[in-house]
């Protein structure tokens, strides 16, 4: 079984060498990241705000991995690694998270 730390390291290594990756490998890493993030969020009791979920970018790159520039692979892999690392810290430290949805006035 791979630990969260091992997986984050794997994501960072992949992000640092995107030209050596095949699109199916990137998609697999991103899809696994999406699953891990969802599991960690559920464990932490975090419910994403509809339409403002930070995971949307990762899902978009994963869905279009063969059509997006390799730079997007780099950014999405790092974004996934950051989210997983941050969620792991929240869980390990017992930090509570309260998400408050605010409406934004476009005129302000």
Protein backbone atom coordinates (compact mmCIF):
# COMPACT_ATOMS: atom_id res chain seq x y z
CA UNK A 1 0.00 0.00 0.00
CA UNK A 2 1.36 3.40 -0.99
CA UNK A 3 1.25 6.10 1.67
CA UNK A 4 -0.08 9.56 1.01
CA UNK A 5 3.45 10.93 1.36
CA UNK A 6 4.76 8.46 -1.24
CA UNK A 7 1.99 9.43 -3.63
CA UNK A 8 2.63 13.17 -3.16
CA UNK A 9 6.32 12.53 -3.90
CA UNK A 10 5.37 10.62 -7.03
CA UNK A 11 3.16 13.49 -8.20
CA UNK A 12 5.93 16.05 -7.63
CA UNK A 13 8.48 13.89 -9.49
CA UNK A 14 6.05 13.50 -12.39
CA UNK A 15 5.35 17.25 -12.42
CA UNK A 16 9.08 17.96 -12.61
CA UNK A 17 9.51 15.67 -15.63
CA UNK A 18 6.31 16.12 -17.66
CA UNK A 19 8.09 15.59 -21.01
CA UNK A 20 9.03 12.05 -19.97
CA UNK A 21 5.40 11.09 -19.28
CA UNK A 22 2.79 9.53 -21.54
CA UNK A 23 -0.71 11.07 -21.50
CA UNK A 24 -2.21 7.86 -20.09
CA UNK A 25 0.24 8.00 -17.16
CA UNK A 26 -0.68 11.61 -16.43
CA UNK A 27 -4.40 10.80 -16.64
CA UNK A 28 -3.92 7.86 -14.29
CA UNK A 29 -2.05 10.01 -11.75
CA UNK A 30 -4.63 12.79 -11.94
CA UNK A 31 -7.58 10.39 -11.68
CA UNK A 32 -6.00 8.75 -8.65
CA UNK A 33 -5.37 12.22 -7.18
CA UNK A 34 -9.04 13.11 -7.61
CA UNK A 35 -10.02 9.95 -5.76
CA UNK A 36 -7.49 10.52 -2.95
CA UNK A 37 -8.59 14.14 -2.54
CA UNK A 38 -12.24 13.10 -2.35
CA UNK A 39 -11.43 10.46 0.27
CA UNK A 40 -9.33 12.86 2.37
CA UNK A 41 -12.03 15.54 2.16
CA UNK A 42 -14.67 13.08 3.30
CA UNK A 43 -12.45 11.99 6.19
CA UNK A 44 -11.96 15.64 7.19
CA UNK A 45 -15.67 16.45 6.78
CA UNK A 46 -15.01 18.98 4.03
CA UNK A 47 -17.80 19.48 1.52
CA UNK A 48 -16.68 21.42 -1.57
CA UNK A 49 -18.62 24.48 -2.62
CA UNK A 50 -20.49 23.74 -5.84
CA UNK A 51 -19.01 25.64 -8.78
CA UNK A 52 -15.98 26.78 -6.78
CA UNK A 53 -14.25 23.49 -6.18
CA UNK A 54 -10.46 23.69 -6.45
CA UNK A 55 -10.41 20.19 -7.92
CA UNK A 56 -12.14 21.34 -11.13
CA UNK A 57 -8.80 22.24 -12.71
CA UNK A 58 -7.39 18.77 -12.04
CA UNK A 59 -10.53 17.15 -13.48
CA UNK A 60 -10.37 19.35 -16.58
CA UNK A 61 -6.74 18.51 -17.30
CA UNK A 62 -7.35 14.80 -16.66
CA UNK A 63 -10.30 14.79 -19.07
CA UNK A 64 -8.33 16.54 -21.82
CA UNK A 65 -4.84 15.29 -21.07
CA UNK A 66 -4.14 14.51 -24.73
CA UNK A 67 -5.31 17.97 -25.82
CA UNK A 68 -3.75 20.30 -23.25
CA UNK A 69 -0.18 21.61 -23.31
CA UNK A 70 2.39 19.71 -21.26
CA UNK A 71 2.74 22.79 -19.03
CA UNK A 72 -0.80 22.09 -17.84
CA UNK A 73 0.28 18.56 -16.85
CA UNK A 74 2.99 20.13 -14.68
CA UNK A 75 0.62 22.59 -13.02
CA UNK A 76 -2.20 20.11 -12.44
CA UNK A 77 0.13 17.46 -10.97
CA UNK A 78 1.59 20.04 -8.57
CA UNK A 79 -1.89 21.33 -7.71
CA UNK A 80 -3.00 17.79 -6.89
CA UNK A 81 0.11 17.20 -4.77
CA UNK A 82 -0.47 20.44 -2.86
CA UNK A 83 -4.12 19.63 -2.18
CA UNK A 84 -3.31 16.13 -0.94
CA UNK A 85 -0.45 17.37 1.23
CA UNK A 86 -2.61 20.11 2.74
CA UNK A 87 -5.50 17.75 3.44
CA UNK A 88 -3.12 15.26 5.06
CA UNK A 89 -1.80 18.04 7.33
CA UNK A 90 -5.36 19.00 8.28
CA UNK A 91 -6.15 15.41 9.20
CA UNK A 92 -2.87 14.73 10.99
CA UNK A 93 -3.11 17.86 13.13
CA UNK A 94 -6.83 17.63 13.80
CA UNK A 95 -7.36 21.11 12.42
CA UNK A 96 -11.02 22.01 12.01
CA UNK A 97 -12.19 23.57 8.76
CA UNK A 98 -15.36 25.63 8.43
CA UNK A 99 -16.28 26.60 4.89
CA UNK A 100 -18.61 29.54 4.60
CA UNK A 101 -20.10 30.25 1.20
CA UNK A 102 -20.47 33.97 0.60
CA UNK A 103 -22.20 35.55 -2.32
CA UNK A 104 -20.05 37.88 -4.33
CA UNK A 105 -21.43 41.12 -5.69
CA UNK A 106 -19.97 41.75 -9.15
CA UNK A 107 -20.40 45.49 -8.68
CA UNK A 108 -18.09 45.75 -5.67
